[in-house]
C-alpha atoms as a PDB file:
ATOM      1  CA  MET A   1       0.000   0.000   0.000  1.00  0.00           C
ATOM      2  CA  ASN A   2       1.529   3.314  -1.052  1.00  0.00           C
ATOM      3  CA  LEU A   3       1.313   6.678   0.681  1.00  0.00           C
ATOM      4  CA  GLU A   4      -1.415   8.028  -1.566  1.00  0.00           C
ATOM      5  CA  GLU A   5      -3.587   4.980  -0.908  1.00  0.00           C
ATOM      6  CA  MET A   6      -3.086   5.359   2.837  1.00  0.00           C
ATOM      7  CA  SER A   7      -4.007   9.029   2.676  1.00  0.00           C
ATOM      8  CA  ASN A   8      -7.129   8.321   0.637  1.00  0.00           C
ATOM      9  CA  ILE A   9      -8.307   5.546   2.951  1.00  0.00           C
ATOM     10  CA  MET A  10      -7.824   7.718   6.022  1.00  0.00           C
ATOM     11  CA  LYS A  11      -9.778  10.572   4.462  1.00  0.00           C
ATOM     12  CA  GLU A  12     -12.590   8.422   3.078  1.00  0.00           C
ATOM     13  CA  THR A  13     -13.155   6.216   6.105  1.00  0.00           C
ATOM     14  CA  LEU A  14     -12.760   8.900   8.757  1.00  0.00           C
ATOM     15  CA  GLY A  15     -14.341  11.775   6.864  1.00  0.00           C
ATOM     16  CA  ILE A  16     -11.228  13.947   7.081  1.00  0.00           C
ATOM     17  CA  ARG A  17     -11.279  16.799   4.577  1.00  0.00           C
ATOM     18  CA  ASP A  18      -7.817  18.247   5.244  1.00  0.00           C
ATOM     19  CA  ASN A  19      -4.490  16.685   4.337  1.00  0.00           C
ATOM     20  CA  ILE A  20      -3.130  13.796   6.344  1.00  0.00           C
ATOM     21  CA  VAL A  21       0.435  14.818   7.247  1.00  0.00           C
ATOM     22  CA  GLY A  22       3.618  12.768   7.212  1.00  0.00           C
ATOM     23  CA  VAL A  23       6.800  13.582   9.125  1.00  0.00           C
ATOM     24  CA  ALA A  24      10.242  12.174   8.374  1.00  0.00           C
ATOM     25  CA  LEU A  25      13.002  12.757  10.917  1.00  0.00           C
ATOM     26  CA  PHE A  26      16.450  12.592   9.367  1.00  0.00           C
ATOM     27  CA  LYS A  27      19.319  11.392  11.542  1.00  0.00           C
ATOM     28  CA  LYS A  28      22.098  12.214   9.070  1.00  0.00           C
ATOM     29  CA  GLU A  29      22.535  14.839   6.363  1.00  0.00           C
ATOM     30  CA  GLU A  30      23.245  12.168   3.770  1.00  0.00           C
ATOM     31  CA  GLU A  31      19.776  10.699   4.347  1.00  0.00           C
ATOM     32  CA  ILE A  32      18.105  13.852   3.039  1.00  0.00           C
ATOM     33  CA  PRO A  33      17.065  13.607  -0.645  1.00  0.00           C
ATOM     34  CA  LYS A  34      18.673  16.428  -2.598  1.00  0.00           C
ATOM     35  CA  GLU A  35      15.421  17.292  -4.341  1.00  0.00           C
ATOM     36  CA  ILE A  36      13.792  18.439  -1.096  1.00  0.00           C
ATOM     37  CA  GLU A  37      14.086  22.200  -0.792  1.00  0.00           C
ATOM     38  CA  ILE A  38      15.341  23.481   2.562  1.00  0.00           C
ATOM     39  CA  TYR A  39      13.028  25.877   4.357  1.00  0.00           C
ATOM     40  CA  GLU A  40      15.061  28.917   5.379  1.00  0.00           C
ATOM     41  CA  LYS A  41      12.654  30.950   7.463  1.00  0.00           C
ATOM     42  CA  PRO A  42      12.092  30.510  11.214  1.00  0.00           C
ATOM     43  CA  PHE A  43       8.866  28.607  11.702  1.00  0.00           C
ATOM     44  CA  ARG A  44       7.306  26.573  14.497  1.00  0.00           C
ATOM     45  CA  TYR A  45       6.856  22.842  14.084  1.00  0.00           C
ATOM     46  CA  CYS A  46       3.139  23.102  14.877  1.00  0.00           C
ATOM     47  CA  GLN A  47       2.852  25.747  12.143  1.00  0.00           C
ATOM     48  CA  MET A  48       4.610  23.425   9.680  1.00  0.00           C
ATOM     49  CA  ILE A  49       2.117  20.660  10.441  1.00  0.00           C
ATOM     50  CA  GLN A  50      -0.889  22.951  10.216  1.00  0.00           C
ATOM     51  CA  THR A  51       0.303  24.544   6.972  1.00  0.00           C
ATOM     52  CA  ALA A  52       0.928  21.118   5.410  1.00  0.00           C
ATOM     53  CA  ARG A  53      -2.478  20.015   6.612  1.00  0.00           C
ATOM     54  CA  LEU A  54      -4.462  23.056   5.465  1.00  0.00           C
ATOM     55  CA  LYS A  55      -2.456  24.426   2.538  1.00  0.00           C
ATOM     56  CA  GLY A  56      -0.554  21.413   1.217  1.00  0.00           C
ATOM     57  CA  GLU A  57       2.898  22.938   1.697  1.00  0.00           C
ATOM     58  CA  SER A  58       6.074  21.037   2.556  1.00  0.00           C
ATOM     59  CA  PHE A  59       8.929  21.917   4.908  1.00  0.00           C
ATOM     60  CA  LEU A  60      12.481  20.618   5.324  1.00  0.00           C
ATOM     61  CA  ALA A  61      13.872  22.391   8.368  1.00  0.00           C
ATOM     62  CA  HIS A  62      17.128  22.115  10.286  1.00  0.00           C
ATOM     63  CA  ALA A  63      17.400  23.161  13.929  1.00  0.00           C
ATOM     64  CA  ASP A  64      18.177  26.813  13.113  1.00  0.00           C
ATOM     65  CA  TYR A  65      14.831  27.185  11.370  1.00  0.00           C
ATOM     66  CA  HIS A  66      12.738  25.711  14.172  1.00  0.00           C
ATOM     67  CA  GLU A  67      11.488  28.876  15.830  1.00  0.00           C
ATOM     68  CA  CYS A  68      10.085  27.056  18.864  1.00  0.00           C
ATOM     69  CA  LYS A  69      13.060  25.649  20.762  1.00  0.00           C
ATOM     70  CA  GLY A  70      10.806  23.577  22.993  1.00  0.00           C
ATOM     71  CA  GLY A  71       9.528  21.796  19.922  1.00  0.00           C
ATOM     72  CA  ALA A  72      13.034  21.456  18.494  1.00  0.00           C
ATOM     73  CA  SER A  73      14.277  19.854  21.702  1.00  0.00           C
ATOM     74  CA  GLY A  74      11.337  17.463  21.863  1.00  0.00           C
ATOM     75  CA  LEU A  75      12.161  16.349  18.328  1.00  0.00           C
ATOM     76  CA  GLY A  76      15.815  15.699  19.156  1.00  0.00           C
ATOM     77  CA  LEU A  77      17.252  18.595  17.158  1.00  0.00           C
ATOM     78  CA  ILE A  78      18.798  20.433  20.118  1.00  0.00           C
ATOM     79  CA  ASP A  79      19.376  20.183  23.853  1.00  0.00           C
ATOM     80  CA  CYS A  80      16.413  21.074  26.029  1.00  0.00           C
ATOM     81  CA  PRO A  81      16.576  24.840  26.750  1.00  0.00           C
ATOM     82  CA  GLU A  82      17.454  25.705  30.335  1.00  0.00           C
ATOM     83  CA  ASN A  83      14.246  27.665  30.932  1.00  0.00           C
ATOM     84  CA  ILE A  84      12.206  24.572  30.025  1.00  0.00           C
ATOM     85  CA  ALA A  85      14.345  22.013  31.835  1.00  0.00           C
ATOM     86  CA  SER A  86      14.376  24.133  34.996  1.00  0.00           C
ATOM     87  CA  GLY A  87      10.609  24.658  34.941  1.00  0.00           C
ATOM     88  CA  SER A  88      11.000  28.415  34.672  1.00  0.00           C
ATOM     89  CA  LEU A  89       9.046  28.749  31.429  1.00  0.00           C
ATOM     90  CA  TYR A  90       6.040  26.838  32.731  1.00  0.00           C
ATOM     91  CA  PHE A  91       6.054  28.611  36.110  1.00  0.00           C
ATOM     92  CA  ASP A  92       7.255  32.175  35.502  1.00  0.00           C
ATOM     93  CA  LYS A  93       5.952  32.883  32.002  1.00  0.00           C
ATOM     94  CA  LEU A  94       3.118  30.485  31.241  1.00  0.00           C
ATOM     95  CA  GLN A  95       1.845  29.972  34.799  1.00  0.00           C
ATOM     96  CA  LYS A  96       1.100  26.325  34.072  1.00  0.00           C
ATOM     97  CA  CYS A  97       2.199  25.108  37.493  1.00  0.00           C
ATOM     98  CA  GLN A  98       2.521  26.208  41.095  1.00  0.00           C
ATOM     99  CA  SER A  99       6.318  26.170  41.281  1.00  0.00           C
ATOM    100  CA  LYS A 100       9.479  25.846  39.197  1.00  0.00           C
ATOM    101  CA  GLU A 101       9.992  22.407  40.705  1.00  0.00           C
ATOM    102  CA  VAL A 102       6.638  21.240  39.391  1.00  0.00           C
ATOM    103  CA  GLY A 103       7.517  22.754  36.018  1.00  0.00           C
ATOM    104  CA  ALA A 104      10.821  20.870  36.019  1.00  0.00           C
ATOM    105  CA  SER A 105       8.963  17.625  36.698  1.00  0.00           C
ATOM    106  CA  ILE A 106       6.628  18.302  33.767  1.00  0.00           C
ATOM    107  CA  SER A 107       9.627  18.842  31.515  1.00  0.00           C
ATOM    108  CA  ALA A 108      11.466  15.780  32.799  1.00  0.00           C
ATOM    109  CA  ALA A 109       8.428  13.575  32.178  1.00  0.00           C
ATOM    110  CA  MET A 110       8.043  14.606  28.543  1.00  0.00           C
ATOM    111  CA  PRO A 111       9.047  11.913  26.034  1.00  0.00           C
ATOM    112  CA  LYS A 112      11.830  13.532  24.004  1.00  0.00           C
ATOM    113  CA  LEU A 113      14.156  12.236  21.326  1.00  0.00           C
ATOM    114  CA  ALA A 114      17.835  12.277  22.310  1.00  0.00           C
ATOM    115  CA  PRO A 115      19.461  15.701  21.766  1.00  0.00           C
ATOM    116  CA  GLY A 116      21.322  15.810  18.481  1.00  0.00           C
ATOM    117  CA  SER A 117      19.814  12.529  17.253  1.00  0.00           C
ATOM    118  CA  ILE A 118      17.890  14.352  14.511  1.00  0.00           C
ATOM    119  CA  VAL A 119      19.455  16.794  12.020  1.00  0.00           C
ATOM    120  CA  ALA A 120      16.315  17.903  10.156  1.00  0.00           C
ATOM    121  CA  THR A 121      12.554  17.438   9.988  1.00  0.00           C
ATOM    122  CA  TYR A 122      10.568  16.955   6.801  1.00  0.00           C
ATOM    123  CA  VAL A 123       6.864  17.758   6.985  1.00  0.00           C
ATOM    124  CA  ALA A 124       4.490  17.349   4.044  1.00  0.00           C
ATOM    125  CA  PRO A 125       1.046  16.048   3.092  1.00  0.00           C
ATOM    126  CA  LEU A 126       1.285  12.261   3.275  1.00  0.00           C
ATOM    127  CA  ASP A 127       0.497  11.772  -0.387  1.00  0.00           C
ATOM    128  CA  LYS A 128       3.222  14.255  -1.417  1.00  0.00           C
ATOM    129  CA  LEU A 129       6.109  12.854   0.624  1.00  0.00           C
ATOM    130  CA  ILE A 130       9.040  11.577  -1.425  1.00  0.00           C
ATOM    131  CA  VAL A 131      10.260   9.315   1.385  1.00  0.00           C
ATOM    132  CA  ASN A 132       8.358   7.163   3.836  1.00  0.00           C
ATOM    133  CA  PRO A 133       7.562   9.077   7.016  1.00  0.00           C
ATOM    134  CA  ASP A 134       8.363   8.101  10.574  1.00  0.00           C
ATOM    135  CA  ILE A 135       5.087   9.482  11.893  1.00  0.00           C
ATOM    136  CA  VAL A 136       1.693  10.186  10.336  1.00  0.00           C
ATOM    137  CA  LEU A 137      -0.450  12.895  11.951  1.00  0.00           C
ATOM    138  CA  PHE A 138      -3.925  14.216  11.547  1.00  0.00           C
ATOM    139  CA  VAL A 139      -6.084  16.730  13.366  1.00  0.00           C
ATOM    140  CA  GLY A 140      -9.582  15.493  13.992  1.00  0.00           C
ATOM    141  CA  ASN A 141     -12.489  14.968  16.326  1.00  0.00           C
ATOM    142  CA  ALA A 142     -13.172  12.403  19.028  1.00  0.00           C
ATOM    143  CA  LEU A 143     -14.955   9.971  16.695  1.00  0.00           C
ATOM    144  CA  GLN A 144     -12.061   9.979  14.216  1.00  0.00           C
ATOM    145  CA  ALA A 145      -9.568   9.378  17.025  1.00  0.00           C
ATOM    146  CA  ARG A 146     -11.815   6.630  18.387  1.00  0.00           C
ATOM    147  CA  ARG A 147     -11.867   4.841  15.047  1.00  0.00           C
ATOM    148  CA  ILE A 148      -8.059   4.833  14.989  1.00  0.00           C
ATOM    149  CA  SER A 149      -7.951   3.370  18.486  1.00  0.00           C
ATOM    150  CA  GLN A 150     -10.466   0.707  17.485  1.00  0.00           C
ATOM    151  CA  ALA A 151      -8.491  -0.134  14.348  1.00  0.00           C
ATOM    152  CA  VAL A 152      -5.334  -0.594  16.427  1.00  0.00           C
ATOM    153  CA  LEU A 153      -7.050  -2.873  18.944  1.00  0.00           C
ATOM    154  CA  TYR A 154      -8.852  -4.898  16.254  1.00  0.00           C
ATOM    155  CA  LYS A 155      -5.896  -7.262  15.902  1.00  0.00           C
ATOM    156  CA  LYS A 156      -3.906  -6.915  19.102  1.00  0.00           C
ATOM    157  CA  GLY A 157      -6.635  -6.395  21.702  1.00  0.00           C
ATOM    158  CA  GLY A 158      -5.859  -4.950  25.099  1.00  0.00           C
ATOM    159  CA  ARG A 159      -6.260  -1.248  25.730  1.00  0.00           C
ATOM    160  CA  SER A 160      -4.708   1.944  24.426  1.00  0.00           C
ATOM    161  CA  THR A 161      -2.785   4.302  26.692  1.00  0.00           C
ATOM    162  CA  PHE A 162      -2.332   7.935  25.692  1.00  0.00           C
ATOM    163  CA  ASP A 163       0.321  10.297  26.999  1.00  0.00           C
ATOM    164  CA  THR A 164      -0.373  14.030  27.021  1.00  0.00           C
ATOM    165  CA  ALA A 165       0.028  17.126  29.178  1.00  0.00           C
ATOM    166  CA  GLY A 166      -1.732  19.931  27.313  1.00  0.00           C
ATOM    167  CA  ILE A 167       1.775  21.188  26.520  1.00  0.00           C
ATOM    168  CA  GLN A 168       3.858  20.636  23.355  1.00  0.00           C
ATOM    169  CA  SER A 169       1.145  18.800  21.467  1.00  0.00           C
ATOM    170  CA  PHE A 170       2.354  18.374  17.885  1.00  0.00           C
ATOM    171  CA  CYS A 171       6.047  17.976  18.681  1.00  0.00           C
ATOM    172  CA  VAL A 172       6.071  15.849  21.846  1.00  0.00           C
ATOM    173  CA  ASP A 173       2.604  14.273  22.100  1.00  0.00           C
ATOM    174  CA  ALA A 174       2.011  13.492  18.428  1.00  0.00           C
ATOM    175  CA  THR A 175       5.555  12.957  17.147  1.00  0.00           C
ATOM    176  CA  ALA A 176       8.148  12.091  19.791  1.00  0.00           C
ATOM    177  CA  SER A 177       5.811  10.040  21.996  1.00  0.00           C
ATOM    178  CA  PRO A 178       4.392   7.689  19.326  1.00  0.00           C
ATOM    179  CA  LEU A 179       7.862   7.265  17.835  1.00  0.00           C
ATOM    180  CA  LEU A 180       9.417   6.332  21.165  1.00  0.00           C
ATOM    181  CA  LYS A 181       6.654   4.038  22.377  1.00  0.00           C
ATOM    182  CA  GLY A 182       5.909   2.550  18.957  1.00  0.00           C
ATOM    183  CA  ASP A 183       2.192   3.100  19.336  1.00  0.00           C
ATOM    184  CA  VAL A 184      -0.520   5.609  18.508  1.00  0.00           C
ATOM    185  CA  ASN A 185      -0.755   8.645  20.737  1.00  0.00           C
ATOM    186  CA  ILE A 186      -3.696  11.024  20.979  1.00  0.00           C
ATOM    187  CA  SER A 187      -3.096  14.561  22.205  1.00  0.00           C
ATOM    188  CA  LEU A 188      -5.498  17.077  23.703  1.00  0.00           C
ATOM    189  CA  GLY A 189      -3.649  19.876  21.934  1.00  0.00           C
ATOM    190  CA  CYS A 190      -1.801  22.692  23.656  1.00  0.00           C
ATOM    191  CA  ASP A 191      -2.183  26.411  24.177  1.00  0.00           C
ATOM    192  CA  GLY A 192       0.955  27.084  22.121  1.00  0.00           C
ATOM    193  CA  SER A 193      -0.415  25.388  19.022  1.00  0.00           C
ATOM    194  CA  ALA A 194      -3.784  27.065  19.553  1.00  0.00           C
ATOM    195  CA  ARG A 195      -2.158  30.484  19.761  1.00  0.00           C
ATOM    196  CA  ASN A 196       0.579  30.093  17.155  1.00  0.00           C
ATOM    197  CA  ALA A 197      -0.874  27.562  14.711  1.00  0.00           C
ATOM    198  CA  ASN A 198      -4.631  28.089  15.088  1.00  0.00           C
ATOM    199  CA  LEU A 199      -5.378  24.632  16.420  1.00  0.00           C
ATOM    200  CA  ASP A 200      -9.109  24.496  17.051  1.00  0.00           C
ATOM    201  CA  ASP A 201     -10.093  24.143  20.705  1.00  0.00           C
ATOM    202  CA  ASN A 202     -12.356  21.181  19.907  1.00  0.00           C
ATOM    203  CA  SER A 203      -9.756  19.197  17.967  1.00  0.00           C
ATOM    204  CA  LEU A 204      -7.477  16.323  18.920  1.00  0.00           C
ATOM    205  CA  VAL A 205      -4.084  15.597  17.402  1.00  0.00           C
ATOM    206  CA  VAL A 206      -3.354  11.985  16.512  1.00  0.00           C
ATOM    207  CA  GLY A 207       0.159  10.658  15.898  1.00  0.00           C
ATOM    208  CA  ILE A 208       0.661   7.225  14.308  1.00  0.00           C
ATOM    209  CA  PRO A 209       4.004   5.402  13.859  1.00  0.00           C
ATOM    210  CA  PHE A 210       4.327   4.689  10.151  1.00  0.00           C
ATOM    211  CA  PRO A 211       4.876   0.907  10.573  1.00  0.00           C
ATOM    212  CA  MET A 212       1.319   0.706  11.946  1.00  0.00           C
ATOM    213  CA  MET A 213      -0.309   2.544   9.065  1.00  0.00           C
ATOM    214  CA  GLU A 214      -0.934  -0.289   6.625  1.00  0.00           C
ATOM    215  CA  ASP A 215      -2.695  -2.475   9.196  1.00  0.00           C
ATOM    216  CA  ILE A 216      -4.755   0.478  10.444  1.00  0.00           C
ATOM    217  CA  CYS A 217      -5.804   1.410   6.916  1.00  0.00           C
ATOM    218  CA  MET A 218      -6.737  -2.170   6.042  1.00  0.00           C
ATOM    219  CA  VAL A 219      -8.926  -2.490   9.147  1.00  0.00           C
ATOM    220  CA  LEU A 220     -10.576   0.870   8.541  1.00  0.00           C
ATOM    221  CA  LYS A 221     -11.288   0.081   4.908  1.00  0.00           C
ATOM    222  CA  LYS A 222     -12.903  -3.250   5.763  1.00  0.00           C
ATOM    223  CA  HIS A 223     -14.784  -2.434   8.954  1.00  0.00           C
ATOM    224  CA  TYR A 224     -15.515   1.268   9.432  1.00  0.00           C
ATOM    225  CA  GLN A 225     -18.904   1.089   7.674  1.00  0.00           C
ATOM    226  CA  ASN A 226     -20.093  -1.663  10.019  1.00  0.00           C
ATOM    227  CA  TRP A 227     -18.944   0.310  13.059  1.00  0.00           C
ATOM    228  CA  ASP A 228     -20.709   3.420  11.826  1.00  0.00           C
ATOM    229  CA  ALA A 229     -23.853   1.493  10.942  1.00  0.00           C
ATOM    230  CA  PHE A 230     -23.989  -0.012  14.440  1.00  0.00           C
ATOM    231  CA  MET A 231     -23.484   3.382  16.081  1.00  0.00           C
ATOM    232  CA  ARG A 232     -25.911   5.246  13.804  1.00  0.00           C
ATOM    233  CA  GLY A 233     -28.498   2.518  14.164  1.00  0.00           C
ATOM    234  CA  TRP A 234     -28.401   2.839  17.945  1.00  0.00           C
ATOM    235  CA  GLN A 235     -28.663   6.620  17.713  1.00  0.00           C
ATOM    236  CA  GLU A 236     -31.643   6.410  15.390  1.00  0.00           C
ATOM    237  CA  ALA A 237     -33.354   3.937  17.724  1.00  0.00           C
ATOM    238  CA  VAL A 238     -32.892   6.307  20.645  1.00  0.00           C
ATOM    239  CA  LYS A 239     -34.318   9.196  18.627  1.00  0.00           C
ATOM    240  CA  LYS A 240     -37.298   7.108  17.529  1.00  0.00           C
ATOM    241  CA  GLU A 241     -37.998   6.007  21.090  1.00  0.00           C
ATOM    242  CA  ALA A 242     -37.808   9.621  22.292  1.00  0.00           C
ATOM    243  CA  ILE A 243     -40.320  10.731  19.646  1.00  0.00           C
ATOM    244  CA  GLN A 244     -42.731   7.890  20.414  1.00  0.00           C
ATOM    245  CA  GLY A 245     -42.350   8.254  24.174  1.00  0.00           C
END
């Protein structure tokens, strides 16, 4: 199954109208295809994702062009900035916690790629990527996220566990976390992406490790209509009962 097929299945089965986004994280300069144009303007990672999603643009960015250093550190491009590691940013500036110590614990608990392990990020609509991504992301609603969770559990069973903090959504929650744990992660978004990248307050951000994509797409393609029919049928029965009662 190629990237275009995956993108089409995700859109058709989940009712997603915007682009599905793929992210490749390059560990060495020689891994980067020469035909990808380097983006040479400071930009936030969440803005790259949102622009790829909504406008179809692509971004190859080294550390110097990641405007948000918190995002860059979460993605393994740079060391974690001192004001984040110490908790100062979350306590003094953002007032997200009651002390610097609590802020430091929030930072320490974030799943981050090793500093310097990544030399550049490549963000593009999934069906336009010229290499396979490491992570596939989409912004959606609760039902769309639920269908992904159900597709994952269809074969392996068990339960899904999601890791989020309402901070560093696109970079940590939806990229670093699923890559490190090798499983889907669903994020509640963050105030930074809402402010800087216009993430809607009612949206979730879903990050999927690329090796899981083919199985997820196959399950969705085969079963989503039955799941929807079951759910819609129950809803219609409730409505009918309410009218008759």
